[in-house]
Protein backbone atom coordinates (compact mmCIF):
# COMPACT_ATOMS: atom_id res chain seq x y z
CA ASP A 1 -1.82 -29.92 -118.47
CA GLY A 2 1.71 -28.26 -120.46
CA SER A 3 0.84 -24.37 -118.47
CA PRO A 4 4.04 -23.27 -117.10
CA ILE A 5 4.63 -21.90 -113.75
CA SER A 6 6.10 -18.57 -113.76
CA ARG A 7 9.65 -18.32 -111.27
CA LEU A 8 7.62 -15.23 -109.81
CA ALA A 9 4.91 -17.53 -108.45
CA ILE A 10 7.68 -19.65 -106.89
CA ILE A 11 9.11 -16.83 -105.36
CA GLN A 12 6.07 -15.26 -104.57
CA LYS A 13 4.51 -18.89 -102.69
CA LEU A 14 8.46 -19.15 -100.99
CA GLU A 15 8.22 -15.52 -99.59
CA LYS A 16 5.01 -16.73 -98.09
CA ALA A 17 6.41 -19.76 -96.61
CA SER A 18 9.34 -18.76 -95.65
CA GLY A 19 10.56 -15.41 -95.75
CA LYS A 20 9.83 -14.41 -92.43
CA ASN A 21 12.76 -16.80 -90.87
CA LEU A 22 14.51 -16.53 -93.53
CA LEU A 23 14.72 -12.74 -93.12
CA ASP A 24 14.84 -13.46 -89.40
CA SER A 25 17.90 -15.35 -90.33
CA PHE A 26 19.88 -12.83 -92.12
CA ILE A 27 19.64 -10.46 -89.41
CA THR A 28 20.94 -12.79 -86.84
CA GLU A 29 23.80 -13.71 -88.67
CA LYS A 30 24.44 -10.06 -90.27
CA LEU A 31 24.18 -8.88 -86.17
CA VAL A 32 26.44 -11.92 -84.90
CA GLN A 33 29.03 -11.30 -87.65
CA MET A 34 28.79 -7.12 -86.76
CA GLU A 35 29.50 -8.17 -83.05
CA ALA A 36 32.16 -10.83 -84.07
CA ASP A 37 33.78 -8.12 -85.84
CA ALA A 38 33.47 -5.05 -83.17
CA LYS A 39 35.18 -7.10 -80.34
CA LYS A 40 38.08 -8.45 -83.04
CA ILE A 41 37.04 -12.18 -83.03
CA VAL A 42 38.25 -14.46 -85.82
CA VAL A 43 37.64 -17.82 -86.21
CA SER A 44 40.71 -19.94 -87.48
CA ASN A 45 40.65 -22.14 -90.44
CA ASP A 46 42.48 -24.78 -88.36
CA GLU A 47 38.93 -24.38 -86.16
CA ILE A 48 37.09 -24.79 -88.74
CA ASN A 49 38.79 -27.70 -90.32
CA GLY A 50 38.60 -29.31 -86.77
CA GLU A 51 34.44 -28.70 -87.01
CA ILE A 52 34.34 -30.50 -90.51
CA LYS A 53 36.60 -33.75 -89.74
CA LYS A 54 34.28 -34.10 -86.43
CA ILE A 55 31.47 -33.85 -88.40
CA GLU A 56 32.79 -36.33 -91.34
CA ASP A 57 33.96 -38.99 -88.64
CA GLN A 58 30.25 -38.75 -87.09
CA ILE A 59 28.73 -38.99 -91.12
CA LEU A 60 31.71 -41.70 -91.81
CA ALA A 61 30.50 -43.61 -88.70
CA GLN A 62 26.80 -43.76 -89.99
CA GLY A 63 27.97 -45.06 -92.44
CA SER A 64 27.64 -42.30 -94.52
CA THR A 65 30.13 -39.25 -96.61
CA LEU A 66 30.41 -36.02 -96.10
CA ASP A 67 29.40 -34.57 -100.09
CA ALA A 68 26.40 -37.03 -99.76
CA ALA A 69 25.14 -35.62 -96.41
CA LEU A 70 25.87 -31.88 -97.63
CA ALA A 71 24.30 -32.75 -101.14
CA GLY A 72 20.67 -33.99 -99.09
CA GLN A 73 21.02 -30.81 -97.04
CA GLY A 74 21.31 -28.78 -100.54
CA MET A 75 24.33 -27.29 -99.02
CA SER A 76 27.60 -26.95 -100.49
CA MET A 77 31.16 -27.27 -98.44
CA ASP A 78 31.88 -23.33 -98.43
CA ASP A 79 27.60 -23.55 -96.82
CA LEU A 80 29.42 -25.70 -93.68
CA LYS A 81 31.96 -23.17 -93.34
CA LYS A 82 30.16 -20.44 -93.38
CA GLN A 83 27.88 -22.50 -90.57
CA ILE A 84 30.35 -23.11 -88.61
CA ILE A 85 32.13 -19.97 -88.20
CA LEU A 86 28.96 -18.07 -87.34
CA GLN A 87 28.34 -20.77 -84.40
CA LYS A 88 32.02 -20.42 -83.72
CA GLU A 89 31.83 -16.62 -83.65
CA VAL A 90 28.68 -17.01 -81.62
CA GLU A 91 30.46 -19.32 -79.11
CA LYS A 92 33.31 -17.00 -78.46
CA LEU A 93 30.70 -14.10 -77.86
CA VAL A 94 29.26 -15.71 -75.19
CA ALA A 95 32.37 -17.84 -74.08
CA ASP A 96 32.92 -15.98 -70.56
CA LYS A 97 29.14 -16.37 -69.65
CA ILE A 98 29.22 -20.53 -70.00
CA THR A 99 31.05 -22.50 -67.58
CA VAL A 100 29.98 -26.02 -65.78
CA THR A 101 31.30 -26.69 -62.51
CA ASP A 102 31.84 -30.35 -61.29
CA GLU A 103 29.06 -29.68 -58.10
CA GLU A 104 26.09 -28.66 -61.58
CA VAL A 105 27.40 -32.27 -62.78
CA ALA A 106 27.20 -34.01 -59.36
CA GLN A 107 23.41 -32.08 -59.08
CA TYR A 108 22.58 -32.93 -62.23
CA ILE A 109 23.22 -36.39 -61.87
CA LYS A 110 21.68 -36.47 -58.67
CA ASP A 111 18.18 -34.65 -59.73
CA ASN A 112 18.07 -37.18 -62.68
CA LYS A 113 18.44 -40.08 -60.32
CA ILE A 114 21.32 -41.64 -62.62
CA SER A 115 23.40 -44.37 -62.01
CA ILE A 116 27.12 -44.58 -63.28
CA PRO A 117 28.88 -47.61 -63.48
CA LYS A 118 31.83 -47.45 -61.39
CA GLU A 119 34.53 -48.08 -64.40
CA GLN A 120 32.49 -45.35 -66.55
CA GLU A 121 32.17 -42.72 -64.21
CA ALA A 122 34.76 -40.16 -66.17
CA ALA A 123 32.93 -40.69 -69.79
CA ALA A 124 29.46 -39.70 -67.87
CA SER A 125 30.90 -37.04 -66.24
CA ASP A 126 32.16 -35.92 -69.56
CA GLN A 127 29.02 -36.51 -71.43
CA ILE A 128 26.73 -34.37 -68.91
CA LYS A 129 29.40 -31.98 -68.60
CA ASN A 130 29.11 -31.27 -72.53
CA GLU A 131 24.97 -31.51 -72.41
CA LEU A 132 24.74 -28.81 -69.42
CA ARG A 133 27.54 -26.57 -71.71
CA ASN A 134 25.55 -27.12 -74.53
CA GLN A 135 22.28 -26.10 -72.52
CA LYS A 136 23.58 -23.08 -70.84
CA LEU A 137 25.29 -22.28 -74.53
CA ASN A 138 21.54 -22.23 -76.18
CA LYS A 139 20.32 -19.71 -73.50
CA GLU A 140 23.74 -17.45 -73.56
CA VAL A 141 23.22 -17.75 -77.25
CA ASP A 142 19.42 -16.62 -77.25
CA ALA A 143 19.89 -14.18 -74.96
CA LEU A 144 22.55 -12.67 -77.07
CA ILE A 145 20.72 -12.19 -80.20
CA ILE A 146 18.10 -10.67 -78.22
CA THR A 147 20.18 -8.25 -76.96
CA LEU A 148 21.68 -7.74 -80.13
CA LYS A 149 18.35 -7.16 -82.05
CA SER A 150 17.12 -4.70 -79.61
CA GLN A 151 20.28 -2.35 -79.64
CA ALA A 152 20.10 -2.73 -83.81
CA LYS A 153 18.35 -0.27 -85.58
CA ILE A 154 16.44 -2.45 -88.00
CA ARG A 155 14.09 -1.40 -90.74
CA TYR A 156 11.91 -3.87 -92.72
CA PHE A 157 10.86 -2.71 -96.16
CA VAL A 158 8.76 -6.41 -96.80
CA ASN A 159 6.11 -7.79 -94.06
CA TYR A 160 5.61 -11.05 -93.78
């Protein structure tokens, strides 16, 4: 009907819908960054570019381009780099707590009754090892974030 919708109305709606999650995300990023700085953890350009290359290869294999995928997500290359840096910092913060042994892989195969063809044992083992590592990584990251939040003095000026 031609009546305007104010920017403030949009912002209020967005805050109501996503404010708590977004604020929590910002707090987590800040706490991780502070912890990484305190432990002198640095993410090199080579690490960032390596991750971008992996992502790009996966997207190309699906028949798309990195630029198109980023646009589809509403992200820029800088956003992706920041996300990779955060991910790498978190991984480095918990890296000493994440090891996957061959025994764990064998137990996983046994517990899940996985049959692996003889010629594919190494590849399957590597894939399972990566899966178990990612599970442990997620568990340790969650624990780290809970610890960082419990140790931080966080003051909220707005409640969502």
